[in-house]
Protein backbone atom coordinates (compact mmCIF):
# COMPACT_ATOMS: atom_id res chain seq x y z
CA MET A 1 -115.55 -51.44 -1.94
CA LYS A 2 -111.87 -52.35 -2.43
CA ALA A 3 -112.79 -54.69 -5.28
CA MET A 4 -114.88 -51.98 -6.87
CA PHE A 5 -112.01 -49.46 -6.52
CA ARG A 6 -109.53 -51.86 -8.12
CA PHE A 7 -111.92 -52.51 -10.97
CA CYS A 8 -112.30 -48.75 -11.62
CA VAL A 9 -108.53 -48.23 -11.60
CA VAL A 10 -108.01 -51.07 -14.09
CA ALA A 11 -110.78 -49.70 -16.35
CA VAL A 12 -109.36 -46.17 -16.33
CA ALA A 13 -105.85 -47.49 -17.09
CA ALA A 14 -107.20 -49.55 -19.98
CA VAL A 15 -109.03 -46.54 -21.41
CA LEU A 16 -105.92 -44.32 -21.14
CA LEU A 17 -103.69 -46.94 -22.80
CA ASN A 18 -106.20 -47.34 -25.60
CA ALA A 19 -106.35 -43.56 -26.11
CA CYS A 20 -102.55 -43.31 -26.23
CA SER A 21 -102.36 -46.10 -28.80
CA LEU A 22 -105.02 -44.39 -30.89
CA LEU A 23 -103.11 -41.07 -30.67
CA GLU A 24 -99.90 -42.80 -31.69
CA VAL A 25 -101.59 -44.43 -34.65
CA LYS A 26 -103.20 -41.13 -35.64
CA LEU A 27 -99.91 -39.22 -35.45
CA GLU A 28 -98.03 -41.88 -37.37
CA SER A 29 -100.74 -42.14 -39.99
CA GLY A 30 -100.59 -38.37 -40.57
CA ILE A 31 -96.96 -38.59 -41.77
CA GLU A 32 -96.46 -39.53 -45.40
CA PRO A 33 -93.34 -41.65 -46.04
CA LEU A 34 -90.92 -40.87 -48.84
CA PRO A 35 -91.58 -42.63 -52.14
CA LYS A 36 -89.36 -45.53 -53.04
CA ASP A 37 -87.59 -43.69 -55.88
CA GLN A 38 -86.69 -40.77 -53.60
CA LEU A 39 -85.36 -43.14 -50.94
CA ASN A 40 -83.18 -44.71 -53.63
CA MET A 41 -81.95 -41.25 -54.64
CA ARG A 42 -81.02 -40.45 -51.04
CA VAL A 43 -79.18 -43.74 -50.53
CA PHE A 44 -77.33 -43.37 -53.81
CA SER A 45 -76.29 -39.77 -53.06
CA ARG A 46 -74.94 -40.72 -49.65
CA ASP A 47 -72.99 -43.64 -51.15
CA PHE A 48 -71.60 -41.41 -53.91
CA SER A 49 -70.19 -38.98 -51.32
CA THR A 50 -67.74 -41.62 -50.10
CA VAL A 51 -66.51 -42.28 -53.64
CA PHE A 52 -66.26 -38.53 -54.31
CA TYR A 53 -64.19 -37.83 -51.19
CA SER A 54 -61.86 -40.75 -51.85
CA GLN A 55 -61.12 -39.92 -55.50
CA VAL A 56 -60.70 -36.18 -54.96
CA GLU A 57 -58.35 -36.68 -52.03
CA SER A 58 -56.30 -39.31 -53.88
CA ALA A 59 -55.91 -37.12 -56.97
CA ALA A 60 -55.05 -34.02 -54.94
CA ASP A 61 -52.49 -35.88 -52.81
CA LEU A 62 -50.88 -37.35 -55.94
CA ILE A 63 -50.53 -33.88 -57.48
CA GLU A 64 -49.13 -32.47 -54.23
CA ARG A 65 -46.49 -35.24 -53.92
CA ASN A 66 -45.25 -34.72 -57.47
CA THR A 67 -44.69 -30.97 -57.29
CA ASP A 68 -42.62 -28.44 -55.38
CA SER A 69 -44.64 -25.44 -56.51
CA ILE A 70 -46.33 -23.66 -53.62
CA PRO A 71 -49.24 -22.34 -55.80
CA VAL A 72 -49.96 -25.88 -57.04
CA GLN A 73 -49.84 -27.28 -53.50
CA SER A 74 -52.15 -24.50 -52.37
CA ASN A 75 -54.59 -25.32 -55.18
CA THR A 76 -54.67 -29.00 -54.20
CA LEU A 77 -55.62 -28.07 -50.63
CA MET A 78 -58.29 -25.64 -51.82
CA TRP A 79 -59.67 -28.30 -54.18
CA LYS A 80 -60.12 -30.77 -51.34
CA ILE A 81 -61.58 -28.20 -48.94
CA ASN A 82 -64.03 -26.44 -51.26
CA ALA A 83 -65.08 -29.49 -53.29
CA GLU A 84 -65.96 -31.56 -50.23
CA GLN A 85 -67.73 -28.69 -48.48
CA ASN A 86 -69.82 -28.01 -51.61
CA LEU A 87 -70.68 -31.68 -51.95
CA GLN A 88 -71.95 -31.72 -48.37
CA HIS A 89 -74.21 -28.77 -49.20
CA THR A 90 -75.58 -30.45 -52.31
CA ILE A 91 -76.15 -33.92 -50.85
CA PHE A 92 -77.64 -33.04 -47.46
CA GLN A 93 -80.79 -31.27 -48.66
CA ALA A 94 -84.33 -31.82 -47.50
CA SER A 95 -85.51 -33.15 -50.84
CA PRO A 96 -83.72 -36.19 -52.33
CA THR A 97 -84.62 -34.92 -55.80
CA ALA A 98 -82.99 -31.56 -55.07
CA ALA A 99 -79.89 -33.35 -53.76
CA MET A 100 -79.65 -35.49 -56.89
CA VAL A 101 -80.09 -32.57 -59.32
CA ASP A 102 -77.72 -30.25 -57.47
CA THR A 103 -75.01 -32.93 -57.08
CA TRP A 104 -75.25 -33.76 -60.78
CA VAL A 105 -74.86 -30.08 -61.68
CA PHE A 106 -71.89 -29.69 -59.31
CA THR A 107 -70.01 -32.67 -60.78
CA GLU A 108 -70.57 -31.29 -64.29
CA GLN A 109 -69.45 -27.81 -63.20
CA MET A 110 -66.25 -29.19 -61.65
CA ALA A 111 -65.41 -31.25 -64.74
CA GLN A 112 -65.98 -28.23 -67.01
CA PHE A 113 -63.95 -25.99 -64.68
CA PHE A 114 -60.82 -28.17 -64.79
CA ASP A 115 -61.16 -29.17 -68.47
CA THR A 116 -61.99 -26.00 -70.42
CA GLY A 117 -63.00 -23.45 -67.79
CA ALA A 118 -61.15 -20.98 -65.60
CA GLY A 119 -59.24 -23.75 -63.77
CA LYS A 120 -57.68 -25.47 -66.77
CA ASN A 121 -54.13 -24.35 -65.81
CA LEU A 122 -54.23 -24.60 -62.00
CA PHE A 123 -52.08 -27.75 -61.69
CA ALA A 124 -49.58 -27.07 -64.51
CA GLU A 125 -48.31 -30.30 -66.10
CA GLN A 126 -50.44 -32.43 -63.72
CA GLN A 127 -53.72 -30.88 -64.83
CA SER A 128 -54.77 -34.13 -66.49
CA ALA A 129 -55.11 -35.83 -63.10
CA ALA A 130 -57.76 -33.32 -61.95
CA VAL A 131 -59.54 -33.45 -65.33
CA GLU A 132 -59.63 -37.24 -65.39
CA THR A 133 -60.88 -37.51 -61.80
CA SER A 134 -63.62 -34.90 -62.33
CA LYS A 135 -64.87 -36.51 -65.53
CA ASN A 136 -64.82 -39.95 -63.93
CA LEU A 137 -66.96 -38.72 -61.02
CA ARG A 138 -69.38 -36.99 -63.40
CA ASP A 139 -69.76 -40.07 -65.61
CA GLN A 140 -70.23 -42.35 -62.61
CA PHE A 141 -72.97 -40.12 -61.23
CA GLU A 142 -74.70 -39.88 -64.61
CA ARG A 143 -74.76 -43.66 -65.03
CA THR A 144 -76.52 -44.13 -61.72
CA VAL A 145 -78.92 -41.23 -62.37
CA GLN A 146 -79.81 -42.83 -65.70
CA LYS A 147 -80.83 -45.98 -63.86
CA LEU A 148 -82.96 -43.98 -61.42
CA GLY A 149 -84.29 -41.28 -63.76
CA GLY A 150 -85.90 -43.46 -66.42
CA THR A 151 -87.54 -41.50 -69.25
CA ASN A 152 -86.62 -38.08 -67.79
CA PHE A 153 -82.88 -38.69 -68.04
CA LYS A 154 -82.41 -36.98 -71.44
CA LYS A 155 -84.45 -33.96 -70.42
CA ASN A 156 -82.55 -33.64 -67.11
CA LYS A 157 -79.23 -33.98 -68.92
CA GLU A 158 -80.26 -31.18 -71.29
CA PHE A 159 -81.05 -28.97 -68.30
CA VAL A 160 -77.66 -29.76 -66.68
CA LYS A 161 -75.79 -28.81 -69.86
CA GLN A 162 -77.69 -25.53 -70.22
CA TYR A 163 -77.30 -24.60 -66.55
CA VAL A 164 -73.57 -25.33 -66.43
CA ALA A 165 -73.01 -23.34 -69.64
CA SER A 166 -74.70 -20.28 -68.09
CA HIS A 167 -73.44 -20.78 -64.49
CA PRO A 168 -69.79 -21.93 -64.64
CA ILE A 169 -67.47 -22.09 -61.63
CA LYS A 170 -65.12 -19.12 -61.80
CA ASP A 171 -62.40 -19.86 -59.23
CA MET A 172 -61.13 -22.34 -56.66
CA ALA A 173 -63.59 -21.01 -54.07
CA PHE A 174 -66.27 -23.00 -55.94
CA ALA A 175 -68.86 -20.32 -55.20
CA ARG A 176 -72.19 -21.49 -56.60
CA GLU A 177 -75.96 -21.50 -56.01
CA SER A 178 -78.40 -24.38 -55.87
CA ALA A 179 -79.80 -25.38 -59.26
CA PHE A 180 -83.01 -26.88 -57.88
CA THR A 181 -85.11 -23.72 -58.38
CA ASP A 182 -84.05 -23.45 -62.03
CA TRP A 183 -84.75 -27.17 -62.45
CA LEU A 184 -88.31 -26.63 -61.21
CA GLU A 185 -88.79 -23.78 -63.68
CA PHE A 186 -87.34 -25.91 -66.49
CA HIS A 187 -89.87 -28.67 -65.76
CA GLN A 188 -92.66 -26.14 -64.99
CA ILE A 189 -93.17 -27.49 -61.47
CA SER A 190 -94.55 -25.26 -58.75
CA GLU A 191 -92.37 -24.67 -55.70
CA PHE A 192 -95.30 -25.66 -53.48
CA ASP A 193 -95.47 -29.05 -55.17
CA ALA A 194 -91.71 -29.68 -55.16
CA VAL A 195 -91.49 -31.06 -51.60
CA THR A 196 -94.61 -32.82 -50.36
CA THR A 197 -93.14 -34.74 -47.40
CA PHE A 198 -89.92 -35.08 -45.41
CA GLY A 199 -90.63 -38.73 -44.62
CA THR A 200 -91.61 -40.57 -41.49
CA VAL A 201 -89.95 -40.03 -38.13
CA PRO A 202 -87.49 -42.93 -38.59
CA GLU A 203 -86.54 -41.60 -42.03
CA VAL A 204 -85.94 -38.10 -40.67
CA MET A 205 -83.88 -39.46 -37.78
CA SER A 206 -81.82 -41.56 -40.19
CA ASP A 207 -81.18 -38.46 -42.32
CA ILE A 208 -80.03 -36.50 -39.27
CA SER A 209 -77.81 -39.37 -38.20
CA ASP A 210 -76.16 -39.48 -41.64
CA ARG A 211 -75.56 -35.73 -41.52
CA MET A 212 -73.93 -35.88 -38.09
CA ALA A 213 -71.76 -38.84 -39.06
CA MET A 214 -70.57 -37.10 -42.22
CA ILE A 215 -69.78 -33.87 -40.35
CA ALA A 216 -67.90 -35.76 -37.64
CA GLU A 217 -65.88 -37.59 -40.27
CA GLN A 218 -65.04 -34.69 -42.59
CA MET A 219 -64.64 -31.78 -40.16
CA PRO A 220 -61.23 -32.86 -38.72
CA LYS A 221 -59.83 -33.40 -42.21
CA ILE A 222 -61.07 -30.03 -43.47
CA LEU A 223 -59.68 -28.23 -40.43
CA GLY A 224 -56.33 -29.94 -40.95
CA TRP A 225 -56.23 -28.92 -44.62
CA LYS A 226 -57.07 -25.32 -43.70
CA ALA A 227 -54.25 -25.30 -41.16
CA GLU A 228 -51.84 -26.63 -43.82
CA LEU A 229 -53.04 -23.95 -46.24
CA TYR A 230 -52.49 -21.24 -43.65
CA ALA A 231 -49.03 -22.55 -42.82
CA LEU A 232 -48.16 -22.78 -46.51
CA HIS A 233 -48.96 -19.11 -47.12
CA SER A 234 -47.50 -17.81 -43.86
CA ASN A 235 -44.04 -19.33 -44.43
CA ILE A 236 -44.34 -21.47 -41.30
CA ASN A 237 -42.51 -24.76 -41.29
CA ALA A 238 -44.36 -27.75 -39.87
CA ASP A 239 -41.19 -28.95 -38.13
CA GLU A 240 -40.81 -25.58 -36.45
CA ILE A 241 -44.41 -25.72 -35.26
CA GLN A 242 -43.83 -29.19 -33.85
CA ARG A 243 -40.63 -28.13 -32.07
CA THR A 244 -42.40 -25.08 -30.62
CA LEU A 245 -45.26 -27.21 -29.31
CA THR A 246 -42.77 -29.68 -27.82
CA SER A 247 -40.89 -26.85 -26.10
CA ILE A 248 -44.11 -25.43 -24.66
CA SER A 249 -45.09 -28.87 -23.40
CA ASP A 250 -41.66 -29.38 -21.73
CA THR A 251 -41.80 -25.95 -20.10
CA SER A 252 -45.30 -26.61 -18.79
CA ALA A 253 -44.20 -29.97 -17.38
CA LYS A 254 -41.19 -28.43 -15.63
CA PHE A 255 -43.36 -25.67 -14.18
CA GLN A 256 -45.84 -28.22 -12.85
CA GLN A 257 -42.96 -30.21 -11.36
CA LEU A 258 -41.62 -27.08 -9.69
CA MET A 259 -45.03 -26.31 -8.20
CA ALA A 260 -45.32 -29.85 -6.90
CA GLN A 261 -41.86 -29.75 -5.27
CA SER A 262 -42.10 -26.27 -3.72
CA PRO A 263 -45.67 -25.47 -2.77
CA GLU A 264 -44.53 -23.15 0.07
CA MET A 265 -42.36 -21.12 -2.31
CA MET A 266 -45.20 -20.77 -4.83
CA GLN A 267 -47.58 -19.71 -2.06
CA SER A 268 -45.09 -17.10 -0.85
CA LEU A 269 -44.58 -15.90 -4.41
CA ALA A 270 -48.34 -15.51 -4.83
CA VAL A 271 -48.57 -13.48 -1.58
CA ASP A 272 -45.70 -11.21 -2.64
CA MET A 273 -47.22 -10.68 -6.05
CA ARG A 274 -50.55 -9.79 -4.43
CA LYS A 275 -48.84 -7.23 -2.20
CA GLU A 276 -46.93 -5.71 -5.06
CA LEU A 277 -49.87 -5.61 -7.43
CA THR A 278 -52.47 -4.28 -4.97
CA PRO A 279 -51.22 -0.63 -5.01
CA LEU A 280 -50.87 -0.76 -8.76
CA LEU A 281 -54.41 -2.08 -9.16
CA ALA A 282 -55.71 0.57 -6.75
CA GLN A 283 -53.95 3.33 -8.70
CA LEU A 284 -55.28 1.91 -11.94
CA SER A 285 -58.79 1.84 -10.51
CA ALA A 286 -58.50 5.45 -9.32
CA ASP A 287 -57.19 6.60 -12.70
CA THR A 288 -59.99 4.74 -14.39
CA ASP A 289 -62.64 6.36 -12.19
CA ASP A 290 -61.09 9.79 -12.83
CA LYS A 291 -61.11 9.23 -16.57
CA LEU A 292 -64.70 8.02 -16.42
CA LYS A 293 -65.75 11.16 -14.53
CA GLN A 294 -63.91 13.34 -17.02
CA LEU A 295 -65.56 11.45 -19.84
CA SER A 296 -68.95 11.98 -18.22
CA VAL A 297 -68.34 15.74 -17.96
CA GLU A 298 -67.18 15.91 -21.55
CA ARG A 299 -70.20 13.91 -22.66
CA GLN A 300 -72.53 16.34 -20.88
CA ALA A 301 -70.73 19.28 -22.50
CA LEU A 302 -71.05 17.59 -25.86
CA GLU A 303 -74.76 16.99 -25.29
CA LEU A 304 -75.23 20.66 -24.34
CA MET A 305 -73.32 21.80 -27.41
CA VAL A 306 -75.36 19.53 -29.66
CA LYS A 307 -78.56 20.83 -28.04
CA ASN A 308 -77.53 24.47 -28.60
CA GLU A 309 -76.53 23.77 -32.16
CA ARG A 310 -79.85 22.06 -32.80
CA GLN A 311 -81.80 24.98 -31.35
CA ALA A 312 -79.77 27.45 -33.41
CA LEU A 313 -80.38 25.37 -36.51
CA GLU A 314 -84.12 25.21 -35.81
CA ALA A 315 -84.24 29.00 -35.31
CA MET A 316 -82.31 29.57 -38.54
CA VAL A 317 -84.65 27.26 -40.42
CA ALA A 318 -87.68 29.09 -38.99
CA ARG A 319 -86.25 32.48 -40.04
CA GLU A 320 -85.44 31.23 -43.51
CA ARG A 321 -88.93 29.75 -43.81
CA ALA A 322 -90.56 33.05 -42.77
CA ALA A 323 -88.34 35.04 -45.14
CA ALA A 324 -89.10 32.63 -47.93
CA ALA A 325 -92.84 32.98 -47.22
CA VAL A 326 -92.58 36.78 -47.41
CA ASP A 327 -90.57 36.65 -50.59
CA LEU A 328 -93.02 34.20 -52.07
CA GLU A 329 -95.94 36.49 -51.23
CA GLN A 330 -94.20 39.48 -52.82
CA ILE A 331 -93.33 37.45 -55.88
CA SER A 332 -96.96 36.34 -56.16
CA GLN A 333 -98.23 39.93 -55.91
CA ASN A 334 -95.76 41.15 -58.51
CA ALA A 335 -96.68 38.28 -60.78
CA VAL A 336 -100.39 39.08 -60.44
CA GLU A 337 -99.78 42.78 -61.18
CA VAL A 338 -97.68 42.01 -64.21
CA VAL A 339 -100.28 39.57 -65.49
CA PHE A 340 -103.10 42.07 -65.12
CA GLN A 341 -101.03 44.77 -66.81
CA GLU A 342 -100.33 42.51 -69.73
CA ILE A 343 -103.99 41.50 -69.89
CA THR A 344 -105.03 45.20 -69.91
CA LYS A 345 -102.62 45.95 -72.74
CA THR A 346 -103.87 42.99 -74.69
CA LEU A 347 -107.53 44.03 -74.21
CA LYS A 348 -106.77 47.58 -75.34
CA SER A 349 -105.06 46.28 -78.44
CA LEU A 350 -107.97 43.97 -79.16
CA ILE A 351 -110.51 46.82 -78.77
CA LEU A 352 -108.49 49.05 -81.06
CA TYR A 353 -108.21 46.36 -83.69
CA PHE A 354 -111.93 45.64 -83.36
CA VAL A 355 -112.83 49.32 -83.89
CA LEU A 356 -110.53 49.50 -86.90
CA PHE A 357 -112.16 46.35 -88.23
CA LEU A 358 -115.64 47.89 -87.87
CA VAL A 359 -114.51 51.08 -89.55
CA VAL A 360 -112.95 49.22 -92.43
CA VAL A 361 -115.80 46.76 -92.90
CA PHE A 362 -118.86 48.94 -92.31
CA PHE A 363 -118.11 52.69 -92.31
CA ALA A 364 -115.57 52.78 -95.12
CA PRO A 365 -117.98 51.40 -97.80
CA LEU A 366 -120.78 53.63 -96.47
CA GLY A 367 -118.63 56.74 -96.56
CA LEU A 368 -117.37 55.85 -100.03
CA GLY A 369 -120.97 55.44 -101.28
CA VAL A 370 -122.02 58.77 -99.80
CA TRP A 371 -119.01 60.49 -101.36
CA LEU A 372 -119.65 58.97 -104.77
CA GLY A 373 -123.36 59.95 -104.58
CA LYS A 374 -122.51 63.56 -103.76
CA ARG A 375 -119.99 63.70 -106.55
CA MET A 376 -122.43 62.38 -109.09
CA GLN A 377 -125.04 64.89 -107.93
CA VAL A 378 -122.63 67.76 -108.29
CA LYS A 379 -121.77 66.74 -111.86
CA LYS A 380 -125.42 66.49 -112.71
CA LEU A 381 -126.15 70.03 -111.45
CA SER A 382 -123.24 71.57 -113.25
CA LYS A 383 -124.22 70.19 -116.75
CA PRO A 384 -126.22 72.85 -119.02
CA VAL A 385 -129.86 72.20 -119.96
CA LEU A 386 -130.61 72.17 -123.77
CA LYS A 387 -133.91 73.82 -124.87
CA PRO A 388 -135.81 72.73 -128.05
CA ALA A 389 -135.27 74.96 -131.17
CA THR A 390 -138.07 77.19 -132.56
CA LYS A 391 -139.43 77.10 -136.07
CA ALA A 392 -137.74 80.34 -137.08
CA GLU A 393 -134.46 79.08 -135.85
CA SER A 394 -135.06 75.88 -137.63
CA ALA A 395 -135.78 77.77 -140.87
CA LYS A 396 -132.66 79.73 -140.52
């Protein structure tokens, strides 16, 4: 029996392990890996980010060291902050193709902004440093895209030129939208066919790891630049901030030393403060309760007033509706009466005209004929009758 039991346990374990392996294979086989060209795009974009950060920071720091103008220094800080934040948004997208297109558009927009756009005078006499750096980054990105894009490079470059011409960067905030949707429309690609897979589990985990590493590396620098920008516009000196922090640290250390040396005194001070503050807290609590009660009464009065006003408004609306109904009924009756009166007048006029028409058309010719006949008869009766002459009269 024991041997049989052990055999059953081993068989069940083997079946379960086989089922788990089949499930694992099935799950893994249901995930489509990224194509090789898209993996190359992702690797290239991530490598380009390091070059981008390095060149932008070097150019901005060089401009800042060679000027005493606060606006120019402020623009260098905003260039580093907004350019690097926008590059993070363009590179770390779900689709490597979208990341490549959007990064290409952003580099072209930045080069156009500093060369001939709205930012061509932001760095005064050192403007050439920003223009040269932006164009260098754009050209470097285009060269690598040309190697990856193959036959579609010219068509993609045409799209980038058109998009940048119609969507330029307008200020140092670098406010912009992703160009991937317009790129899909330009190539007549459906949005449902744009992203077919996010890659296998290792590829997704690698992408997440890259994102976290980039955020951990760039976030302290961006926060530091924002603090410098705030201090620059608030007239705060960095040395004064450092001296203030040092003073606070010294005071805190002395206070801790005092507490360590005189624990009984600090305990007594805490008891005294509790005794002194207890009546004040009690009075404050009582005043607060009183104000809350008063507020509750006032709220009830306000609710009652609102209720009465609402009832009065409803009654007024009902009266106005009834009066309007009565007026409408009277207006309808008057309108009906006036209409029937006008119709009666019109019918009378039509009957009169019809009678006159009959008289003129039928009775007038008849009466004229009768009158002419009578007149002709009268003339005929009044004419003398001639008798024939006799022979004697003829002889005479």
